[in-house]
Amino acid sequence: MPKSTIVLDIGKTNAKLALVDAATHAILAIRTTTNAVVTEGLYPHFDVERLWAWILEGLREFALQAEIDCISTTTHGGAAALIDGDDLVMPILDYEYRGPDSIAEAYRPLRGAFWETLSPDLPGGLNVGRQLYWQQETFPSAFGRATTILLYPQYWVWRLTGAKVSEPTMLGCHTDLWNPEAGTFSRLADDQGWSGMVPPRVHPWDTAGTIRPEIAAKTGLPADCRVVAGIHDSNASLLPHILRRRPPFSVISTGTWMIFFAVGGSLADLDPARDCLANVDAFDRAVPSARFMAGREFALLTDDAKVTPSAAEIARILDDKIMALPSFAPGTGPYAFQTGHWSHDPATLSPGEKVAAASLYCALVADTCLRLTGAAGPIVVEGPITRNALFLSALASVVGRPVIARADATGTTEGAALLASGPEGAGPGQPDPEPAPPLPHDVAAYVAAWRAALE
């Protein structure tokens, strides 16, 4: 049987378990499930026990297909687990829950300046510091029992191995807990005593431990199957490119969120009011970043229609300047405090026309994010939106630079699989496909009208 790595990839909407060939990094098998939120109990939270049962089932299935040498975990940001001994003291908060907003005014003076953490003030639980402060103030008895704070990939590492570790990509993911340029905990984390609850920091590719004996017995995995420390999902998408490309370039990681990494961009002009931030890459370096909830907004704008717009539908949207104007995910993105609306009645549009307008909308907001981060050079697009040819061509038309769709694998899976061998095992990777062709339409008038409408 081939030596393989298992990648556990938990996104905000879906979770995935992938079996990846250790030598070629080819995906051999994949299992997916929805990432449900439980609304009962103290507050809306992630259903980790349902996910755990699904993970064990997948591990058993993959153990029959390959010789598993390593497991690598990657997850979305904005999630932390409070544990005491062998259990959670409270459920893992769904970061979209707005409960933490109730303490926002008290929290803001404590969180420090943007230029310390390069982390914007975000709603709900998107700042891990805000959710921890809310849990501490709202449930002091339960919070007081916690001895360890684990970020989300490392929670699953602990479930698999019993080892407690932290790593830079999750600590530096808009948590308010980290000073990216100094490489130290923030004043907030020290003042609240949380920094002492975070386990030792290691590289994402360092081995945290081997799987617990009872999991080996349940799944058929070898007892010496190791588990690496794990990585933030968008940083997993970034990792292969920072190993193989020279800056400047940008990587756009897509899913529920569209995350922009401007490698070689500028930290100086980041605007925290426009959802700009610095992420911290796998090598502990601050990377200018921006984001918006493209997957969520696209689904809302299109009524989740799965259609490809015709040339005539695209032409009508452009010629009649039918526009979606941000933002349809309140409180997030570069237009966080504007209310999303259509320039025309969407009830008069065909499904294909809605998809065309939504694709152009995503391209124009993407261009805004790239400009805010000082992005230059080619743009590499990863994830589900690579299947949207109109988005890719529209973005190429708007930015005037190469837009390269890496549709051969999901970027998170490839990047997380690389952790099994570490940076030295990355290899050259697959060659880039041809850049997306610009649209065969002059989009300048549409772009100008869209920007004017925002003014």
Protein backbone atom coordinates (compact mmCIF):
# COMPACT_ATOMS: atom_id res chain seq x y z
CA MET A 1 0.00 0.00 0.00
CA PRO A 2 1.26 3.55 -0.73
CA LYS A 3 2.58 5.70 2.10
CA SER A 4 0.07 8.47 2.62
CA THR A 5 -0.85 11.49 4.69
CA ILE A 6 -4.36 12.21 5.97
CA VAL A 7 -5.40 15.87 5.92
CA LEU A 8 -8.22 16.93 8.24
CA ASP A 9 -9.55 20.23 6.82
CA ILE A 10 -12.39 21.89 8.75
CA GLY A 11 -13.82 24.94 7.00
CA LYS A 12 -16.62 27.13 8.27
CA THR A 13 -19.21 25.47 6.02
CA ASN A 14 -17.82 21.99 5.32
CA ALA A 15 -15.27 19.58 6.76
CA LYS A 16 -13.09 17.36 4.63
CA LEU A 17 -10.86 14.36 5.20
CA ALA A 18 -8.38 13.74 2.37
CA LEU A 19 -6.02 10.85 1.72
CA VAL A 20 -2.89 12.23 0.04
CA ASP A 21 -0.03 10.27 -1.53
CA ALA A 22 3.09 11.08 0.52
CA ALA A 23 5.42 11.06 -2.50
CA THR A 24 3.37 12.79 -5.21
CA HIS A 25 0.92 14.79 -3.03
CA ALA A 26 -1.88 13.51 -5.26
CA ILE A 27 -5.29 13.23 -3.57
CA LEU A 28 -6.23 9.53 -3.51
CA ALA A 29 -9.61 9.78 -1.75
CA ILE A 30 -11.75 12.42 -0.10
CA ARG A 31 -14.69 12.49 2.31
CA THR A 32 -16.78 15.54 3.16
CA THR A 33 -19.50 16.50 5.62
CA THR A 34 -21.24 19.69 6.67
CA ASN A 35 -19.84 21.63 9.60
CA ALA A 36 -23.02 22.08 11.59
CA VAL A 37 -23.54 24.62 14.36
CA VAL A 38 -25.48 23.55 17.46
CA THR A 39 -27.80 26.32 18.64
CA GLU A 40 -28.85 24.73 21.95
CA GLY A 41 -26.85 25.14 25.15
CA LEU A 42 -24.84 28.09 26.44
CA TYR A 43 -24.43 29.64 22.97
CA PRO A 44 -24.17 28.54 19.31
CA HIS A 45 -21.16 26.27 18.96
CA PHE A 46 -19.43 23.80 16.68
CA ASP A 47 -20.63 20.20 16.87
CA VAL A 48 -17.23 18.72 17.64
CA GLU A 49 -18.60 15.38 18.82
CA ARG A 50 -20.43 14.75 15.54
CA LEU A 51 -17.25 15.75 13.68
CA TRP A 52 -15.16 13.46 15.90
CA ALA A 53 -17.34 10.43 15.11
CA TRP A 54 -17.09 11.28 11.41
CA ILE A 55 -13.30 11.69 11.66
CA LEU A 56 -12.86 8.27 13.31
CA GLU A 57 -15.03 6.67 10.63
CA GLY A 58 -12.87 8.26 7.92
CA LEU A 59 -9.62 7.23 9.60
CA ARG A 60 -10.86 3.62 9.69
CA GLU A 61 -11.78 3.78 6.00
CA PHE A 62 -8.46 5.29 4.92
CA ALA A 63 -6.41 2.89 7.08
CA LEU A 64 -7.70 0.08 4.83
CA GLN A 65 -6.56 1.89 1.67
CA ALA A 66 -3.03 3.05 2.46
CA GLU A 67 -0.17 3.00 4.94
CA ILE A 68 -0.80 6.15 6.95
CA ASP A 69 2.38 7.83 8.12
CA CYS A 70 1.09 11.23 9.24
CA ILE A 71 -2.05 13.26 9.96
CA SER A 72 -2.14 17.02 9.33
CA THR A 73 -4.90 19.32 10.57
CA THR A 74 -6.05 22.65 9.14
CA THR A 75 -9.09 24.73 10.10
CA HIS A 76 -10.72 28.13 9.76
CA GLY A 77 -9.71 30.87 12.17
CA GLY A 78 -11.75 32.56 14.88
CA ALA A 79 -12.11 29.44 17.02
CA ALA A 80 -10.50 28.45 20.31
CA ALA A 81 -11.02 25.62 22.78
CA LEU A 82 -10.83 26.04 26.54
CA ILE A 83 -9.83 22.75 28.16
CA ASP A 84 -9.14 21.41 31.62
CA GLY A 85 -7.48 18.03 31.79
CA ASP A 86 -9.36 15.77 29.42
CA ASP A 87 -12.38 17.84 28.40
CA LEU A 88 -13.73 21.13 27.15
CA VAL A 89 -14.92 23.41 29.94
CA MET A 90 -17.23 25.20 27.47
CA PRO A 91 -18.32 24.57 23.89
CA ILE A 92 -16.23 26.04 21.03
CA LEU A 93 -18.03 29.26 20.11
CA ASP A 94 -19.38 29.80 16.58
CA TYR A 95 -17.61 33.03 15.66
CA GLU A 96 -20.68 34.36 13.83
CA TYR A 97 -22.64 34.50 17.09
CA ARG A 98 -23.03 38.14 18.07
CA GLY A 99 -23.07 37.54 21.84
CA PRO A 100 -19.51 38.87 22.30
CA ASP A 101 -20.64 42.22 20.88
CA SER A 102 -22.31 42.86 24.25
CA ILE A 103 -18.90 43.45 25.84
CA ALA A 104 -17.34 45.25 22.84
CA GLU A 105 -17.21 48.67 24.49
CA ALA A 106 -15.49 47.31 27.59
CA TYR A 107 -13.14 45.18 25.48
CA ARG A 108 -11.91 47.81 23.02
CA PRO A 109 -9.70 49.74 25.46
CA LEU A 110 -8.07 46.44 26.50
CA ARG A 111 -7.27 45.07 23.06
CA GLY A 112 -4.53 47.51 22.20
CA ALA A 113 -3.83 49.45 19.03
CA PHE A 114 -4.12 47.98 15.55
CA TRP A 115 -0.45 48.67 14.93
CA GLU A 116 0.51 46.37 17.80
CA THR A 117 -1.48 43.30 16.71
CA LEU A 118 -2.25 44.17 13.04
CA SER A 119 -5.66 42.68 13.87
CA PRO A 120 -8.83 44.70 13.12
CA ASP A 121 -11.73 45.07 15.54
CA LEU A 122 -14.17 42.46 14.21
CA PRO A 123 -17.76 41.59 15.13
CA GLY A 124 -19.00 38.56 17.04
CA GLY A 125 -16.25 36.15 17.95
CA LEU A 126 -13.97 36.74 14.96
CA ASN A 127 -11.32 38.16 17.30
CA VAL A 128 -10.43 35.25 19.59
CA GLY A 129 -9.51 37.79 22.26
CA ARG A 130 -13.03 39.21 22.23
CA GLN A 131 -14.64 35.77 22.52
CA LEU A 132 -12.31 34.81 25.37
CA TYR A 133 -13.10 38.04 27.20
CA TRP A 134 -16.83 37.49 26.70
CA GLN A 135 -16.60 33.90 27.97
CA GLN A 136 -14.50 35.03 30.93
CA GLU A 137 -16.97 37.77 31.90
CA THR A 138 -20.17 35.85 31.15
CA PHE A 139 -19.24 32.40 32.50
CA PRO A 140 -16.54 33.14 35.10
CA SER A 141 -16.87 29.84 36.97
CA ALA A 142 -16.49 27.67 33.86
CA PHE A 143 -13.75 29.89 32.43
CA GLY A 144 -11.90 29.71 35.73
CA ARG A 145 -11.60 25.92 35.38
CA ALA A 146 -9.76 26.20 32.06
CA THR A 147 -6.05 25.51 32.19
CA THR A 148 -5.24 25.57 28.46
CA ILE A 149 -6.27 27.60 25.42
CA LEU A 150 -5.98 25.65 22.17
CA LEU A 151 -6.55 27.20 18.76
CA TYR A 152 -8.81 25.11 16.55
CA PRO A 153 -6.35 22.97 14.51
CA GLN A 154 -4.44 22.25 17.70
CA TYR A 155 -7.66 21.21 19.46
CA TRP A 156 -7.93 18.37 16.93
CA VAL A 157 -4.22 17.59 17.37
CA TRP A 158 -4.92 17.23 21.09
CA ARG A 159 -7.94 14.99 20.44
CA LEU A 160 -5.76 12.78 18.25
CA THR A 161 -2.58 12.70 20.37
CA GLY A 162 -3.06 14.28 23.80
CA ALA A 163 -0.29 16.77 22.92
CA LYS A 164 -0.82 20.49 23.54
CA VAL A 165 0.94 22.89 21.18
CA SER A 166 0.44 26.23 19.43
CA GLU A 167 1.83 27.56 16.15
CA PRO A 168 2.21 30.97 14.48
CA THR A 169 -0.47 30.94 11.77
CA MET A 170 -3.41 30.55 14.15
CA LEU A 171 -1.95 32.82 16.85
CA GLY A 172 -1.53 35.53 14.22
CA CYS A 173 -4.96 35.13 12.59
CA HIS A 174 -6.88 38.27 13.77
CA THR A 175 -6.84 36.95 17.34
CA ASP A 176 -5.72 40.17 19.14
CA LEU A 177 -3.39 37.83 21.06
CA TRP A 178 -0.20 38.25 19.01
CA ASN A 179 2.23 40.97 18.00
CA PRO A 180 3.32 39.79 14.52
CA GLU A 181 6.28 42.10 14.05
CA ALA A 182 7.75 41.48 17.52
CA GLY A 183 6.89 37.76 17.49
CA THR A 184 5.49 37.94 21.04
CA PHE A 185 2.13 37.78 22.80
CA SER A 186 0.16 41.01 22.80
CA ARG A 187 -0.28 43.24 25.82
CA LEU A 188 -3.89 42.02 26.03
CA ALA A 189 -2.86 38.36 26.20
CA ASP A 190 -0.31 39.10 28.92
CA ASP A 191 -2.58 41.40 30.93
CA GLN A 192 -5.45 38.89 30.97
CA GLY A 193 -3.18 35.98 31.84
CA TRP A 194 -4.12 34.14 28.66
CA SER A 195 -0.58 33.95 27.29
CA GLY A 196 0.29 31.59 30.14
CA MET A 197 -2.56 29.29 29.08
CA VAL A 198 -1.33 28.90 25.49
CA PRO A 199 0.95 25.86 25.04
CA PRO A 200 4.49 26.10 23.67
CA ARG A 201 4.79 27.38 20.10
CA VAL A 202 6.24 25.12 17.43
CA HIS A 203 6.44 25.12 13.63
CA PRO A 204 3.30 23.92 11.82
CA TRP A 205 5.27 20.96 10.41
CA ASP A 206 6.75 19.87 13.75
CA THR A 207 5.48 16.55 15.06
CA ALA A 208 3.20 17.20 18.04
CA GLY A 209 2.93 13.52 18.94
CA THR A 210 1.73 10.10 17.84
CA ILE A 211 -1.90 9.07 17.89
CA ARG A 212 -3.39 7.89 21.15
CA PRO A 213 -3.23 4.09 21.53
CA GLU A 214 -7.01 3.79 21.80
CA ILE A 215 -7.43 5.62 18.46
CA ALA A 216 -4.92 3.30 16.80
CA ALA A 217 -6.93 0.36 18.12
CA LYS A 218 -10.27 1.81 16.94
CA THR A 219 -9.13 2.84 13.47
CA GLY A 220 -6.43 0.39 12.45
CA LEU A 221 -3.88 3.18 12.03
CA PRO A 222 -0.30 2.28 12.95
CA ALA A 223 0.59 3.05 16.56
CA ASP A 224 3.49 5.27 15.41
CA CYS A 225 1.32 7.42 13.10
CA ARG A 226 2.46 10.94 13.88
CA VAL A 227 0.40 14.13 13.93
CA VAL A 228 1.95 17.46 12.99
CA ALA A 229 1.09 20.71 14.76
CA GLY A 230 -1.30 21.98 12.07
CA ILE A 231 -2.00 25.27 10.32
CA HIS A 232 -4.65 27.92 9.59
CA ASP A 233 -6.49 26.96 6.39
CA SER A 234 -5.73 30.07 4.33
CA ASN A 235 -2.10 29.86 5.40
CA ALA A 236 -2.11 26.26 4.19
CA SER A 237 -3.12 27.58 0.77
CA LEU A 238 -0.30 30.13 0.94
CA LEU A 239 2.45 27.71 2.00
CA PRO A 240 3.21 26.00 -1.35
CA HIS A 241 3.53 29.39 -3.03
CA ILE A 242 5.89 31.00 -0.53
CA LEU A 243 8.08 27.90 -0.91
CA ARG A 244 8.08 28.00 -4.72
CA ARG A 245 7.58 31.61 -5.90
CA ARG A 246 9.51 34.84 -5.70
CA PRO A 247 7.66 37.91 -4.42
CA PRO A 248 5.82 40.01 -5.21
CA PHE A 249 2.74 37.89 -5.81
CA SER A 250 -0.68 37.42 -4.28
CA VAL A 251 -2.61 34.34 -3.25
CA ILE A 252 -6.40 34.40 -2.98
CA SER A 253 -7.74 31.55 -0.89
CA THR A 254 -11.46 31.01 -1.39
CA GLY A 255 -14.37 29.26 0.27
CA THR A 256 -16.88 30.87 2.61
CA TRP A 257 -14.27 33.63 2.88
CA MET A 258 -12.02 35.09 0.21
CA ILE A 259 -8.67 35.76 1.90
CA PHE A 260 -5.99 37.85 0.19
CA PHE A 261 -2.28 37.44 0.93
CA ALA A 262 -0.10 40.11 -0.67
CA VAL A 263 3.38 38.59 -0.44
CA GLY A 264 5.81 41.46 -0.88
CA GLY A 265 2.97 43.95 -0.29
CA SER A 266 2.84 46.77 2.23
CA LEU A 267 1.87 46.72 5.90
CA ALA A 268 2.04 50.51 6.07
CA ASP A 269 -1.30 51.26 4.41
CA LEU A 270 -3.49 48.55 5.94
CA ASP A 271 -6.86 49.99 6.99
CA PRO A 272 -8.41 48.16 9.97
CA ALA A 273 -11.79 49.75 9.24
CA ARG A 274 -11.80 47.92 5.90
CA ASP A 275 -11.06 44.41 7.21
CA CYS A 276 -7.36 44.64 6.45
CA LEU A 277 -4.94 42.84 8.70
CA ALA A 278 -1.68 40.98 8.76
CA ASN A 279 -1.75 37.22 8.80
CA VAL A 280 1.31 35.40 10.08
CA ASP A 281 2.72 32.81 7.70
CA ALA A 282 4.18 29.42 8.56
CA PHE A 283 7.63 31.01 8.92
CA ASP A 284 6.39 33.59 11.49
CA ARG A 285 6.35 36.51 9.02
CA ALA A 286 3.61 39.14 8.83
CA VAL A 287 1.86 39.15 5.44
CA PRO A 288 -0.42 42.05 4.39
CA SER A 289 -3.92 40.62 4.08
CA ALA A 290 -7.55 41.52 3.47
CA ARG A 291 -10.77 39.53 3.24
CA PHE A 292 -14.46 39.45 2.57
CA MET A 293 -17.14 36.80 2.79
CA ALA A 294 -17.26 36.09 -0.94
CA GLY A 295 -18.69 32.58 -0.79
CA ARG A 296 -21.50 33.63 1.55
CA GLU A 297 -22.28 36.78 -0.46
CA PHE A 298 -22.21 34.97 -3.82
CA ALA A 299 -24.73 32.41 -2.53
CA LEU A 300 -27.03 35.20 -1.29
CA LEU A 301 -26.81 37.17 -4.54
CA THR A 302 -27.51 34.15 -6.75
CA ASP A 303 -30.03 32.32 -4.56
CA ASP A 304 -27.38 29.58 -4.69
CA ALA A 305 -28.12 28.93 -8.38
CA LYS A 306 -25.72 26.51 -10.07
CA VAL A 307 -25.81 27.90 -13.61
CA THR A 308 -23.28 29.28 -16.08
CA PRO A 309 -24.31 32.62 -17.56
CA SER A 310 -24.57 32.88 -21.33
CA ALA A 311 -22.67 35.46 -23.38
CA ALA A 312 -25.94 37.36 -23.83
CA GLU A 313 -26.60 37.41 -20.08
CA ILE A 314 -23.08 38.70 -19.39
CA ALA A 315 -23.47 41.36 -22.07
CA ARG A 316 -26.78 42.57 -20.63
CA ILE A 317 -25.29 42.93 -17.13
CA LEU A 318 -22.38 44.95 -18.52
CA ASP A 319 -24.31 47.04 -21.04
CA ASP A 320 -27.17 47.93 -18.68
CA LYS A 321 -24.77 48.34 -15.74
CA ILE A 322 -26.74 45.99 -13.51
CA MET A 323 -24.73 45.95 -10.31
CA ALA A 324 -24.64 44.42 -6.88
CA LEU A 325 -23.23 46.96 -4.42
CA PRO A 326 -21.64 45.93 -1.10
CA SER A 327 -21.92 44.63 1.49
CA PHE A 328 -24.16 41.60 1.83
CA ALA A 329 -22.24 40.20 4.83
CA PRO A 330 -22.63 42.99 7.43
CA GLY A 331 -19.57 43.99 9.42
CA THR A 332 -17.03 42.23 7.20
CA GLY A 333 -14.95 43.12 4.16
CA PRO A 334 -13.67 46.42 2.77
CA TYR A 335 -17.21 47.84 2.67
CA ALA A 336 -18.21 46.47 6.08
CA PHE A 337 -20.45 49.36 7.10
CA GLN A 338 -22.35 49.79 3.85
CA THR A 339 -25.65 48.02 3.23
CA GLY A 340 -25.72 45.69 0.26
CA HIS A 341 -28.24 46.43 -2.47
CA TRP A 342 -28.89 45.96 -6.18
CA SER A 343 -28.94 48.77 -8.74
CA HIS A 344 -31.89 47.02 -10.44
CA ASP A 345 -34.68 44.83 -9.12
CA PRO A 346 -33.13 41.35 -8.86
CA ALA A 347 -36.57 39.80 -9.40
CA THR A 348 -36.27 40.91 -13.05
CA LEU A 349 -33.01 39.00 -13.56
CA SER A 350 -32.59 35.46 -14.82
CA PRO A 351 -30.51 33.04 -12.72
CA GLY A 352 -27.67 33.42 -15.23
CA GLU A 353 -27.80 37.20 -15.00
CA LYS A 354 -27.63 37.04 -11.19
CA VAL A 355 -24.59 34.76 -11.42
CA ALA A 356 -22.95 37.15 -13.91
CA ALA A 357 -23.58 40.19 -11.70
CA ALA A 358 -22.40 38.33 -8.59
CA SER A 359 -19.21 37.21 -10.36
CA LEU A 360 -18.44 40.79 -11.37
CA TYR A 361 -19.24 41.95 -7.84
CA CYS A 362 -16.73 39.48 -6.36
CA ALA A 363 -14.08 40.56 -8.88
CA LEU A 364 -14.54 44.24 -8.05
CA VAL A 365 -14.43 43.71 -4.28
CA ALA A 366 -11.38 41.48 -4.83
CA ASP A 367 -9.67 44.30 -6.72
CA THR A 368 -10.37 46.62 -3.77
CA CYS A 369 -8.77 44.14 -1.36
CA LEU A 370 -5.70 43.74 -3.57
CA ARG A 371 -5.21 47.50 -3.76
CA LEU A 372 -5.60 47.91 0.01
CA THR A 373 -2.77 45.43 0.64
CA GLY A 374 -0.34 46.93 -1.87
CA ALA A 375 -0.47 43.75 -3.95
CA ALA A 376 1.72 43.46 -7.04
CA GLY A 377 2.72 40.74 -9.48
CA PRO A 378 0.73 37.66 -10.50
CA ILE A 379 -2.41 36.63 -8.63
CA VAL A 380 -2.89 32.96 -7.76
CA VAL A 381 -6.46 31.89 -7.02
CA GLU A 382 -7.18 28.74 -4.98
CA GLY A 383 -10.35 26.92 -4.00
CA PRO A 384 -13.94 26.69 -5.23
CA ILE A 385 -14.08 30.01 -7.09
CA THR A 386 -11.52 28.70 -9.60
CA ARG A 387 -14.47 26.98 -11.27
CA ASN A 388 -15.98 30.40 -12.05
CA ALA A 389 -14.38 31.42 -15.36
CA LEU A 390 -16.26 34.73 -15.45
CA PHE A 391 -14.86 35.79 -12.07
CA LEU A 392 -11.31 34.94 -13.16
CA SER A 393 -11.59 36.79 -16.47
CA ALA A 394 -13.30 39.77 -14.87
CA LEU A 395 -10.55 40.03 -12.24
CA ALA A 396 -7.89 39.81 -14.96
CA SER A 397 -9.64 42.62 -16.85
CA VAL A 398 -9.90 44.85 -13.78
CA VAL A 399 -6.39 44.41 -12.35
CA GLY A 400 -4.46 44.12 -15.62
CA ARG A 401 -2.13 41.44 -14.22
CA PRO A 402 -1.96 37.64 -14.66
CA VAL A 403 -4.68 35.73 -12.78
CA ILE A 404 -3.74 32.07 -12.38
CA ALA A 405 -6.34 29.55 -11.24
CA ARG A 406 -4.84 26.61 -9.40
CA ALA A 407 -7.74 24.24 -9.82
CA ASP A 408 -5.69 21.00 -9.76
CA ALA A 409 -6.19 20.63 -6.00
CA THR A 410 -7.74 22.55 -3.17
CA GLY A 411 -4.97 24.75 -1.85
CA THR A 412 -5.66 23.97 1.79
CA THR A 413 -5.25 20.24 1.22
CA GLU A 414 -2.01 20.59 -0.72
CA GLY A 415 -0.51 23.00 1.79
CA ALA A 416 -1.53 20.98 4.82
CA ALA A 417 -0.18 17.80 3.23
CA LEU A 418 3.22 19.50 2.81
CA LEU A 419 3.50 19.69 6.60
CA ALA A 420 4.11 15.94 6.69
CA SER A 421 7.54 16.37 5.09
CA GLY A 422 8.25 19.97 6.10
CA PRO A 423 9.44 22.79 3.83
CA GLU A 424 12.36 20.79 2.47
CA GLY A 425 9.96 18.20 1.05
CA ALA A 426 7.83 20.60 -0.98
CA GLY A 427 9.38 19.86 -4.38
CA PRO A 428 8.70 21.94 -7.48
CA GLY A 429 4.94 21.34 -7.59
CA GLN A 430 2.78 21.33 -10.69
CA PRO A 431 3.44 24.01 -13.34
CA ASP A 432 1.01 26.91 -13.50
CA PRO A 433 -1.80 26.73 -16.05
CA GLU A 434 -2.20 29.56 -18.54
CA PRO A 435 -3.51 32.77 -16.95
CA ALA A 436 -7.22 33.48 -17.29
CA PRO A 437 -8.02 35.48 -20.45
CA PRO A 438 -9.48 38.96 -19.90
CA LEU A 439 -13.15 39.38 -20.76
CA PRO A 440 -13.90 40.00 -24.45
CA HIS A 441 -15.82 43.12 -23.35
CA ASP A 442 -14.60 46.57 -22.39
CA VAL A 443 -15.39 46.63 -18.67
CA ALA A 444 -13.99 50.10 -17.97
CA ALA A 445 -17.38 51.84 -18.03
CA TYR A 446 -18.93 49.20 -15.74
CA VAL A 447 -16.03 49.45 -13.28
CA ALA A 448 -16.23 53.25 -13.26
CA ALA A 449 -20.01 53.17 -12.68
CA TRP A 450 -19.63 50.64 -9.83
CA ARG A 451 -16.98 52.75 -8.11
CA ALA A 452 -18.99 55.95 -8.64
CA ALA A 453 -22.05 54.31 -7.06
CA LEU A 454 -19.97 53.59 -3.95
CA GLU A 455 -18.83 57.19 -3.70
